[in-house]
Every structure is written in C-alpha cells, then in structure tokens.
Amino acid sequence: MKKQFKTMDDVPMVLSVEDLMPILGIGRNTAYGLVKRGEISCIHIGRQLRITKTELQRFMKNNGKSI
C-alpha cells in the first residue's frame, strides 16, 4: 500500500526514493532520475538513498509543487 501524506506535516523527516513517488505524482524511474541527476539531493546510507524533508521542500518550492 502506498503511503499517503495529506499535508507536509505528515511527511517524515527522512524519505526513501519510493516515498517521493506518491508525493510528486511520478513513477519510479522518474524519481530515481531526479536523484541521479542531482535535482534532488540525497544521503547515502550504505546502498540506500534517503532524502530529507527539507530537501523535498526545497525541490517543491523551486519547481512550483505543493502538498
């Protein structure tokens, strides 16, 4: 089941790339592409990628998205 975030307050402080998909309304390849191209900065923890809530907010502000 996909996670549903109704407001930015519902979004956790750290997200996986998979968590971005329903928030931004994009698919898996697009989400990983944004991270790979550096449009969304991430933190590497072992082999896992994590995005901070602050980084998500920065990306959304710069790209005209709102939740």
C-alpha atoms as a PDB file:
ATOM      1  CA  MET A   1       0.000   0.000   0.000  1.00  0.00           C
ATOM      2  CA  LYS A   2       1.305   3.438  -0.938  1.00  0.00           C
ATOM      3  CA  LYS A   3       1.912   5.900   1.845  1.00  0.00           C
ATOM      4  CA  GLN A   4      -0.492   8.824   1.819  1.00  0.00           C
ATOM      5  CA  PHE A   5       0.668  12.215   3.075  1.00  0.00           C
ATOM      6  CA  LYS A   6      -2.123  14.796   3.222  1.00  0.00           C
ATOM      7  CA  THR A   7      -0.008  17.712   4.446  1.00  0.00           C
ATOM      8  CA  MET A   8       3.678  18.485   4.727  1.00  0.00           C
ATOM      9  CA  ASP A   9       3.318  17.929   8.489  1.00  0.00           C
ATOM     10  CA  ASP A  10       2.519  14.255   7.737  1.00  0.00           C
ATOM     11  CA  VAL A  11       5.755  13.772   5.795  1.00  0.00           C
ATOM     12  CA  PRO A  12       8.553  12.178   7.880  1.00  0.00           C
ATOM     13  CA  MET A  13      11.918  13.927   8.303  1.00  0.00           C
ATOM     14  CA  VAL A  14      13.657  11.365   6.077  1.00  0.00           C
ATOM     15  CA  LEU A  15      12.170   9.734   2.980  1.00  0.00           C
ATOM     16  CA  SER A  16      13.119   6.928   0.655  1.00  0.00           C
ATOM     17  CA  VAL A  17      13.065   7.495  -3.085  1.00  0.00           C
ATOM     18  CA  GLU A  18       9.948   5.289  -3.160  1.00  0.00           C
ATOM     19  CA  ASP A  19       8.225   7.756  -0.795  1.00  0.00           C
ATOM     20  CA  LEU A  20       8.724  10.552  -3.351  1.00  0.00           C
ATOM     21  CA  MET A  21       6.616   8.818  -5.962  1.00  0.00           C
ATOM     22  CA  PRO A  22       3.138   9.456  -4.495  1.00  0.00           C
ATOM     23  CA  ILE A  23       4.110  12.879  -3.124  1.00  0.00           C
ATOM     24  CA  LEU A  24       5.274  14.173  -6.507  1.00  0.00           C
ATOM     25  CA  GLY A  25       2.911  12.026  -8.569  1.00  0.00           C
ATOM     26  CA  ILE A  26       5.776  10.442 -10.519  1.00  0.00           C
ATOM     27  CA  GLY A  27       6.939   6.941 -11.327  1.00  0.00           C
ATOM     28  CA  ARG A  28       9.908   5.005 -10.019  1.00  0.00           C
ATOM     29  CA  ASN A  29      12.240   5.759 -12.960  1.00  0.00           C
ATOM     30  CA  THR A  30      11.482   9.476 -12.803  1.00  0.00           C
ATOM     31  CA  ALA A  31      12.082   9.580  -9.031  1.00  0.00           C
ATOM     32  CA  TYR A  32      15.437   7.814  -9.328  1.00  0.00           C
ATOM     33  CA  GLY A  33      16.302  10.031 -12.314  1.00  0.00           C
ATOM     34  CA  LEU A  34      15.769  13.196 -10.254  1.00  0.00           C
ATOM     35  CA  VAL A  35      18.148  11.856  -7.612  1.00  0.00           C
ATOM     36  CA  LYS A  36      20.713  10.595 -10.140  1.00  0.00           C
ATOM     37  CA  ARG A  37      20.795  13.964 -11.942  1.00  0.00           C
ATOM     38  CA  GLY A  38      21.190  15.795  -8.615  1.00  0.00           C
ATOM     39  CA  GLU A  39      17.897  17.676  -8.935  1.00  0.00           C
ATOM     40  CA  ILE A  40      17.010  16.212  -5.539  1.00  0.00           C
ATOM     41  CA  SER A  41      19.965  15.768  -3.194  1.00  0.00           C
ATOM     42  CA  CYS A  42      20.168  12.580  -1.211  1.00  0.00           C
ATOM     43  CA  ILE A  43      22.093  10.962   1.590  1.00  0.00           C
ATOM     44  CA  HIS A  44      23.710   7.574   1.005  1.00  0.00           C
ATOM     45  CA  ILE A  45      23.343   5.160   3.906  1.00  0.00           C
ATOM     46  CA  GLY A  46      25.070   2.004   2.760  1.00  0.00           C
ATOM     47  CA  ARG A  47      23.304   1.148  -0.503  1.00  0.00           C
ATOM     48  CA  GLN A  48      20.148   3.022   0.451  1.00  0.00           C
ATOM     49  CA  LEU A  49      19.254   6.545  -0.649  1.00  0.00           C
ATOM     50  CA  ARG A  50      17.435   8.928   1.681  1.00  0.00           C
ATOM     51  CA  ILE A  51      16.016  12.394   1.045  1.00  0.00           C
ATOM     52  CA  THR A  52      15.442  14.877   3.842  1.00  0.00           C
ATOM     53  CA  LYS A  53      12.123  16.645   4.229  1.00  0.00           C
ATOM     54  CA  THR A  54      13.992  19.951   3.892  1.00  0.00           C
ATOM     55  CA  GLU A  55      15.400  18.875   0.520  1.00  0.00           C
ATOM     56  CA  LEU A  56      11.952  17.803  -0.656  1.00  0.00           C
ATOM     57  CA  GLN A  57      10.545  21.199   0.358  1.00  0.00           C
ATOM     58  CA  ARG A  58      13.387  22.985  -1.482  1.00  0.00           C
ATOM     59  CA  PHE A  59      12.742  20.959  -4.632  1.00  0.00           C
ATOM     60  CA  MET A  60       8.999  21.558  -4.471  1.00  0.00           C
ATOM     61  CA  LYS A  61       9.437  25.297  -3.887  1.00  0.00           C
ATOM     62  CA  ASN A  62      11.836  25.621  -6.831  1.00  0.00           C
ATOM     63  CA  ASN A  63       9.568  23.579  -9.104  1.00  0.00           C
ATOM     64  CA  GLY A  64       6.189  25.031  -8.173  1.00  0.00           C
ATOM     65  CA  LYS A  65       4.760  21.956  -6.412  1.00  0.00           C
ATOM     66  CA  SER A  66       2.709  22.000  -3.230  1.00  0.00           C
ATOM     67  CA  ILE A  67       1.253  19.349  -0.963  1.00  0.00           C
END
